């Protein structure tokens, strides 16, 4: 025996289904909010030095060539985990020295080779950039990108 879907039954199905999905949406929103507030992705504090490093990163448009956690151009190496790859994650002084030396050692004027431009960056800015990269490296990205790339 088939039942006829009357207007009142159709309205009840619509309101009941709408109420059900509103409750599900609110429950998922509350759950997500608790998860986001309870867990921070930052592994170290956002210091003035880190902020300066981000300003240097933006001023020189580093993202036009490098990626940071997979965002940016794929012309040059990923820098979101560079401090881990270099083994200087826990040592700010070594991070600065290696970054400074690496940037100064970049060749320029070599025909047919990808080249990093020479940027005029003072010591304070270079330390800030190293701290910004250390900060980015400690961000919880759920192991992305993998650290096996050189």
Protein backbone atom coordinates (compact mmCIF):
# COMPACT_ATOMS: atom_id res chain seq x y z
CA UNK A 1 0.00 0.00 0.00
CA UNK A 2 1.61 3.23 -1.09
CA UNK A 3 1.08 6.34 0.93
CA UNK A 4 0.51 9.68 -0.69
CA UNK A 5 2.94 12.48 0.20
CA UNK A 6 0.67 15.31 1.13
CA UNK A 7 1.74 18.94 1.41
CA UNK A 8 1.85 18.75 5.19
CA UNK A 9 4.00 15.59 5.11
CA UNK A 10 6.36 17.14 2.55
CA UNK A 11 6.64 20.25 4.73
CA UNK A 12 7.39 18.09 7.80
CA UNK A 13 10.08 16.15 5.89
CA UNK A 14 11.63 19.44 4.75
CA UNK A 15 11.60 21.02 8.25
CA UNK A 16 12.76 17.81 9.94
CA UNK A 17 15.61 17.32 7.47
CA UNK A 18 16.62 20.98 7.70
CA UNK A 19 16.62 20.85 11.51
CA UNK A 20 18.69 17.65 11.46
CA UNK A 21 21.37 19.15 9.21
CA UNK A 22 21.45 22.41 11.18
CA UNK A 23 22.12 20.40 14.36
CA UNK A 24 24.86 18.43 12.59
CA UNK A 25 26.43 21.65 11.26
CA UNK A 26 26.41 23.31 14.71
CA UNK A 27 27.87 20.20 16.34
CA UNK A 28 30.69 20.02 13.76
CA UNK A 29 31.39 23.75 14.18
CA UNK A 30 31.65 23.41 17.96
CA UNK A 31 33.90 20.37 17.62
CA UNK A 32 36.17 22.15 15.12
CA UNK A 33 36.36 25.27 17.30
CA UNK A 34 37.37 23.21 20.34
CA UNK A 35 40.02 21.39 18.30
CA UNK A 36 41.49 24.57 16.80
CA UNK A 37 41.55 26.44 20.11
CA UNK A 38 42.93 23.45 22.04
CA UNK A 39 45.78 22.71 19.63
CA UNK A 40 48.19 25.28 18.34
CA UNK A 41 50.18 24.71 15.18
CA UNK A 42 52.95 27.08 16.29
CA UNK A 43 55.99 25.35 17.71
CA UNK A 44 57.65 28.50 18.99
CA UNK A 45 56.43 31.98 19.94
CA UNK A 46 55.93 34.69 17.37
CA UNK A 47 58.75 37.00 18.47
CA UNK A 48 59.74 40.40 17.08
CA UNK A 49 62.67 38.69 15.35
CA UNK A 50 60.32 36.24 13.62
CA UNK A 51 58.11 39.15 12.53
CA UNK A 52 61.15 40.97 11.12
CA UNK A 53 62.12 37.81 9.23
CA UNK A 54 58.65 37.57 7.71
CA UNK A 55 58.92 41.21 6.62
CA UNK A 56 62.26 40.41 4.95
CA UNK A 57 60.67 37.33 3.31
CA UNK A 58 57.84 39.46 1.94
CA UNK A 59 59.94 42.49 0.96
CA UNK A 60 62.26 40.35 -1.17
CA UNK A 61 59.35 38.25 -2.53
CA UNK A 62 61.07 35.00 -1.63
CA UNK A 63 57.82 33.13 -2.32
CA UNK A 64 58.14 34.02 -6.01
CA UNK A 65 60.82 31.32 -6.24
CA UNK A 66 60.66 29.26 -3.03
CA UNK A 67 57.80 27.36 -1.46
CA UNK A 68 56.95 27.56 2.21
CA UNK A 69 54.91 24.52 3.29
CA UNK A 70 54.02 23.87 -0.33
CA UNK A 71 52.78 27.41 -1.06
CA UNK A 72 54.64 29.51 -3.60
CA UNK A 73 56.63 28.92 -6.75
CA UNK A 74 58.44 25.65 -7.37
CA UNK A 75 61.47 27.28 -8.97
CA UNK A 76 63.75 26.95 -5.91
CA UNK A 77 63.84 24.60 -2.88
CA UNK A 78 61.11 24.26 -0.26
CA UNK A 79 62.05 26.27 2.83
CA UNK A 80 59.35 25.18 5.28
CA UNK A 81 61.61 22.49 6.68
CA UNK A 82 65.05 23.79 5.69
CA UNK A 83 66.30 24.17 9.27
CA UNK A 84 65.51 20.52 9.99
CA UNK A 85 67.25 19.45 6.79
CA UNK A 86 70.30 21.53 7.74
CA UNK A 87 70.24 20.10 11.28
CA UNK A 88 70.15 23.52 13.00
CA UNK A 89 66.56 23.56 14.21
CA UNK A 90 67.47 24.00 17.88
CA UNK A 91 70.38 26.41 17.50
CA UNK A 92 69.50 29.99 16.45
CA UNK A 93 73.15 31.02 16.06
CA UNK A 94 73.99 28.09 13.77
CA UNK A 95 70.78 28.70 11.81
CA UNK A 96 71.85 32.31 11.22
CA UNK A 97 75.44 31.38 10.28
CA UNK A 98 74.44 28.66 7.83
CA UNK A 99 71.71 30.77 6.20
CA UNK A 100 74.01 33.77 5.90
CA UNK A 101 76.83 31.66 4.45
CA UNK A 102 74.48 29.85 2.08
CA UNK A 103 73.00 33.07 0.71
CA UNK A 104 76.42 34.67 0.24
CA UNK A 105 77.73 31.56 -1.51
CA UNK A 106 75.01 31.59 -4.17
CA UNK A 107 76.57 32.07 -7.59
CA UNK A 108 75.41 34.78 -9.93
CA UNK A 109 76.18 35.50 -13.54
CA UNK A 110 76.41 31.81 -14.52
CA UNK A 111 74.87 31.36 -17.95
CA UNK A 112 72.09 28.76 -18.24
CA UNK A 113 71.75 28.11 -14.50
CA UNK A 114 68.97 28.99 -12.08
CA UNK A 115 70.34 31.65 -9.78
CA UNK A 116 69.31 33.29 -6.57
CA UNK A 117 69.46 37.08 -6.77
CA UNK A 118 71.90 38.81 -4.47
CA UNK A 119 69.92 40.63 -1.78
CA UNK A 120 71.36 43.34 0.43
CA UNK A 121 70.31 42.09 3.87
CA UNK A 122 71.95 43.36 7.04
CA UNK A 123 72.84 41.12 9.98
CA UNK A 124 69.69 41.93 11.98
CA UNK A 125 67.47 41.12 8.99
CA UNK A 126 69.39 37.91 8.27
CA UNK A 127 68.96 36.81 11.90
CA UNK A 128 65.27 37.63 11.61
CA UNK A 129 64.99 35.61 8.40
CA UNK A 130 66.73 32.66 10.07
CA UNK A 131 64.30 32.91 13.01
CA UNK A 132 61.33 33.13 10.64
CA UNK A 133 62.49 29.95 8.88
CA UNK A 134 63.04 28.24 12.26
CA UNK A 135 59.53 29.33 13.28
CA UNK A 136 58.06 28.04 10.01
CA UNK A 137 59.96 24.77 10.46
CA UNK A 138 58.39 24.23 13.89
CA UNK A 139 54.86 24.77 12.63
CA UNK A 140 52.84 21.55 12.88
CA UNK A 141 52.18 20.69 9.24
CA UNK A 142 51.40 17.02 9.98
CA UNK A 143 54.70 15.99 8.38
CA UNK A 144 54.22 17.87 5.14
CA UNK A 145 56.36 18.39 3.15
CA UNK A 146 58.50 15.31 3.75
CA UNK A 147 62.01 15.99 5.04
CA UNK A 148 63.75 13.68 2.58
CA UNK A 149 64.15 16.37 -0.10
CA UNK A 150 67.54 18.08 -0.17
